[in-house]
Amino acid sequence: MKVYNQIKIEKKSRYIKIIKNESKKALEIGKSLLNAVGSFPKNFVKTVSFDNGLEFAKHRALRDFFDVKTFFSDPHSPWQKPQVENVNRLIHNLLNHRPRKCLNFKTPHEVFYELVALRP
């Protein structure tokens, strides 16, 4: 089963909220966005930025229900959302550098590069 995560970052505090979704369907993503914004105090969230994925097609509900301004970054423009890109990098580093019992307490990074070294 694939898991689709959404990353929400509050800009002043750099507070990170990662939301797990079971699909990329716009309806499910829209519901989780509404729940995420609804979990904060009223009028706390002022803006939400998205990439251009179809899963964000229901952004209008968020905009209209919570009076939140929604923005979309340009395609292939990661510099327009540097905080999200930084968090993605941190998550990947944490996941790849955490020892795992199933790997004899080696990290995925170590095992991967051992495999790469074995290739002709």
C-alpha atoms as a PDB file:
ATOM      1  CA  MET A   1       0.000   0.000   0.000  1.00  0.00           C
ATOM      2  CA  LYS A   2       1.306   3.426  -0.882  1.00  0.00           C
ATOM      3  CA  VAL A   3       1.158   6.195   1.685  1.00  0.00           C
ATOM      4  CA  TYR A   4       0.933   9.794   0.601  1.00  0.00           C
ATOM      5  CA  ASN A   5       2.127  12.390   3.070  1.00  0.00           C
ATOM      6  CA  GLN A   6       1.323  16.042   3.225  1.00  0.00           C
ATOM      7  CA  ILE A   7       3.698  18.344   5.024  1.00  0.00           C
ATOM      8  CA  LYS A   8       2.435  21.461   6.724  1.00  0.00           C
ATOM      9  CA  ILE A   9       4.907  23.979   8.125  1.00  0.00           C
ATOM     10  CA  GLU A  10       4.003  26.954  10.264  1.00  0.00           C
ATOM     11  CA  LYS A  11       6.437  29.610   9.067  1.00  0.00           C
ATOM     12  CA  LYS A  12       7.206  31.574  12.237  1.00  0.00           C
ATOM     13  CA  SER A  13       7.774  28.640  14.583  1.00  0.00           C
ATOM     14  CA  ARG A  14       8.815  26.116  11.883  1.00  0.00           C
ATOM     15  CA  TYR A  15       6.345  23.691  13.503  1.00  0.00           C
ATOM     16  CA  ILE A  16       5.936  20.694  11.203  1.00  0.00           C
ATOM     17  CA  LYS A  17       2.817  18.593  10.826  1.00  0.00           C
ATOM     18  CA  ILE A  18       2.952  15.534   8.583  1.00  0.00           C
ATOM     19  CA  ILE A  19      -0.374  14.085   7.507  1.00  0.00           C
ATOM     20  CA  LYS A  20      -0.621  10.503   6.343  1.00  0.00           C
ATOM     21  CA  ASN A  21      -3.064   9.803   3.509  1.00  0.00           C
ATOM     22  CA  GLU A  22      -3.937   6.429   2.021  1.00  0.00           C
ATOM     23  CA  SER A  23      -4.471   7.843  -1.474  1.00  0.00           C
ATOM     24  CA  LYS A  24      -3.846  10.881  -3.626  1.00  0.00           C
ATOM     25  CA  LYS A  25      -7.533  11.364  -4.384  1.00  0.00           C
ATOM     26  CA  ALA A  26      -8.581  14.995  -4.174  1.00  0.00           C
ATOM     27  CA  LEU A  27     -11.530  14.250  -1.882  1.00  0.00           C
ATOM     28  CA  GLU A  28      -9.377  12.490   0.736  1.00  0.00           C
ATOM     29  CA  ILE A  29      -6.638  15.104   0.550  1.00  0.00           C
ATOM     30  CA  GLY A  30      -9.249  17.862   0.819  1.00  0.00           C
ATOM     31  CA  LYS A  31     -10.745  16.280   3.947  1.00  0.00           C
ATOM     32  CA  SER A  32      -7.362  15.927   5.595  1.00  0.00           C
ATOM     33  CA  LEU A  33      -6.548  19.561   4.757  1.00  0.00           C
ATOM     34  CA  LEU A  34      -9.800  20.687   6.364  1.00  0.00           C
ATOM     35  CA  ASN A  35      -9.033  18.586   9.457  1.00  0.00           C
ATOM     36  CA  ALA A  36      -5.487  19.905   9.674  1.00  0.00           C
ATOM     37  CA  VAL A  37      -6.483  23.561   9.442  1.00  0.00           C
ATOM     38  CA  GLY A  38      -9.455  22.942  11.748  1.00  0.00           C
ATOM     39  CA  SER A  39      -7.103  21.580  14.434  1.00  0.00           C
ATOM     40  CA  PHE A  40      -5.565  25.029  14.886  1.00  0.00           C
ATOM     41  CA  PRO A  41      -7.211  28.023  16.594  1.00  0.00           C
ATOM     42  CA  LYS A  42      -9.712  29.958  14.490  1.00  0.00           C
ATOM     43  CA  ASN A  43      -8.068  32.450  12.091  1.00  0.00           C
ATOM     44  CA  PHE A  44      -4.600  31.094  12.951  1.00  0.00           C
ATOM     45  CA  VAL A  45      -3.905  29.758   9.455  1.00  0.00           C
ATOM     46  CA  LYS A  46      -3.809  32.608   6.949  1.00  0.00           C
ATOM     47  CA  THR A  47      -2.278  30.986   3.859  1.00  0.00           C
ATOM     48  CA  VAL A  48      -1.619  27.523   2.449  1.00  0.00           C
ATOM     49  CA  SER A  49       0.737  26.853  -0.464  1.00  0.00           C
ATOM     50  CA  PHE A  50       0.501  23.825  -2.726  1.00  0.00           C
ATOM     51  CA  ASP A  51       2.379  22.303  -5.575  1.00  0.00           C
ATOM     52  CA  ASN A  52       0.378  21.724  -8.749  1.00  0.00           C
ATOM     53  CA  GLY A  53      -0.785  18.166  -8.069  1.00  0.00           C
ATOM     54  CA  LEU A  54      -4.353  17.203  -8.947  1.00  0.00           C
ATOM     55  CA  GLU A  55      -4.793  15.997  -5.366  1.00  0.00           C
ATOM     56  CA  PHE A  56      -5.173  19.644  -4.311  1.00  0.00           C
ATOM     57  CA  ALA A  57      -8.184  20.260  -6.572  1.00  0.00           C
ATOM     58  CA  LYS A  58     -10.433  20.690  -3.492  1.00  0.00           C
ATOM     59  CA  HIS A  59      -8.410  23.621  -2.141  1.00  0.00           C
ATOM     60  CA  ARG A  60     -11.417  25.917  -2.626  1.00  0.00           C
ATOM     61  CA  ALA A  61     -13.235  24.241   0.272  1.00  0.00           C
ATOM     62  CA  LEU A  62     -10.317  25.118   2.526  1.00  0.00           C
ATOM     63  CA  ARG A  63     -10.220  28.651   1.167  1.00  0.00           C
ATOM     64  CA  ASP A  64     -13.954  29.207   1.490  1.00  0.00           C
ATOM     65  CA  PHE A  65     -14.631  27.406   4.790  1.00  0.00           C
ATOM     66  CA  PHE A  66     -11.681  28.861   6.735  1.00  0.00           C
ATOM     67  CA  ASP A  67     -11.141  32.086   4.766  1.00  0.00           C
ATOM     68  CA  VAL A  68      -7.587  30.970   3.984  1.00  0.00           C
ATOM     69  CA  LYS A  69      -5.662  32.264   0.974  1.00  0.00           C
ATOM     70  CA  THR A  70      -4.369  29.445  -1.211  1.00  0.00           C
ATOM     71  CA  PHE A  71      -1.338  29.646  -3.470  1.00  0.00           C
ATOM     72  CA  PHE A  72       0.197  27.270  -5.989  1.00  0.00           C
ATOM     73  CA  SER A  73       3.874  27.095  -6.835  1.00  0.00           C
ATOM     74  CA  ASP A  74       4.971  26.986 -10.439  1.00  0.00           C
ATOM     75  CA  PRO A  75       5.769  23.546 -11.883  1.00  0.00           C
ATOM     76  CA  HIS A  76       9.349  22.381 -11.297  1.00  0.00           C
ATOM     77  CA  SER A  77      10.068  25.337  -8.985  1.00  0.00           C
ATOM     78  CA  PRO A  78      11.215  23.911  -5.631  1.00  0.00           C
ATOM     79  CA  TRP A  79      12.758  27.260  -4.676  1.00  0.00           C
ATOM     80  CA  GLN A  80       9.211  28.600  -4.255  1.00  0.00           C
ATOM     81  CA  LYS A  81       8.657  26.267  -1.272  1.00  0.00           C
ATOM     82  CA  PRO A  82      12.092  25.930   0.347  1.00  0.00           C
ATOM     83  CA  GLN A  83      10.781  24.959   3.785  1.00  0.00           C
ATOM     84  CA  VAL A  84       8.910  21.949   2.389  1.00  0.00           C
ATOM     85  CA  GLU A  85      11.941  20.902   0.347  1.00  0.00           C
ATOM     86  CA  ASN A  86      14.136  21.196   3.441  1.00  0.00           C
ATOM     87  CA  VAL A  87      11.741  19.085   5.521  1.00  0.00           C
ATOM     88  CA  ASN A  88      11.591  16.462   2.767  1.00  0.00           C
ATOM     89  CA  ARG A  89      15.383  16.284   2.827  1.00  0.00           C
ATOM     90  CA  LEU A  90      15.419  15.988   6.640  1.00  0.00           C
ATOM     91  CA  ILE A  91      12.843  13.183   6.562  1.00  0.00           C
ATOM     92  CA  HIS A  92      14.797  11.262   3.937  1.00  0.00           C
ATOM     93  CA  ASN A  93      18.015  11.692   5.911  1.00  0.00           C
ATOM     94  CA  LEU A  94      16.379  10.561   9.151  1.00  0.00           C
ATOM     95  CA  LEU A  95      14.785   7.544   7.531  1.00  0.00           C
ATOM     96  CA  ASN A  96      17.919   6.493   5.692  1.00  0.00           C
ATOM     97  CA  HIS A  97      20.264   6.971   8.647  1.00  0.00           C
ATOM     98  CA  ARG A  98      18.252   5.181  11.340  1.00  0.00           C
ATOM     99  CA  PRO A  99      19.523   1.669  12.187  1.00  0.00           C
ATOM    100  CA  ARG A 100      17.008  -1.111  11.557  1.00  0.00           C
ATOM    101  CA  LYS A 101      16.756  -4.458  13.312  1.00  0.00           C
ATOM    102  CA  CYS A 102      15.817  -6.162  10.007  1.00  0.00           C
ATOM    103  CA  LEU A 103      19.126  -4.910   8.574  1.00  0.00           C
ATOM    104  CA  ASN A 104      21.199  -6.239  11.497  1.00  0.00           C
ATOM    105  CA  PHE A 105      21.152  -2.742  12.988  1.00  0.00           C
ATOM    106  CA  LYS A 106      22.737  -1.179   9.951  1.00  0.00           C
ATOM    107  CA  THR A 107      21.176   1.862   8.347  1.00  0.00           C
ATOM    108  CA  PRO A 108      19.428   1.716   4.956  1.00  0.00           C
ATOM    109  CA  HIS A 109      22.138   4.098   3.757  1.00  0.00           C
ATOM    110  CA  GLU A 110      24.890   1.639   4.743  1.00  0.00           C
ATOM    111  CA  VAL A 111      23.140  -1.376   3.218  1.00  0.00           C
ATOM    112  CA  PHE A 112      22.305   0.468   0.005  1.00  0.00           C
ATOM    113  CA  TYR A 113      25.872   1.583  -0.576  1.00  0.00           C
ATOM    114  CA  GLU A 114      27.191  -1.872   0.286  1.00  0.00           C
ATOM    115  CA  LEU A 115      24.882  -3.231  -2.439  1.00  0.00           C
ATOM    116  CA  VAL A 116      26.023  -0.569  -4.881  1.00  0.00           C
ATOM    117  CA  ALA A 117      29.676  -1.424  -4.176  1.00  0.00           C
ATOM    118  CA  LEU A 118      28.986  -5.099  -4.974  1.00  0.00           C
ATOM    119  CA  ARG A 119      27.658  -4.319  -8.449  1.00  0.00           C
ATOM    120  CA  PRO A 120      30.077  -4.830 -11.335  1.00  0.00           C
END
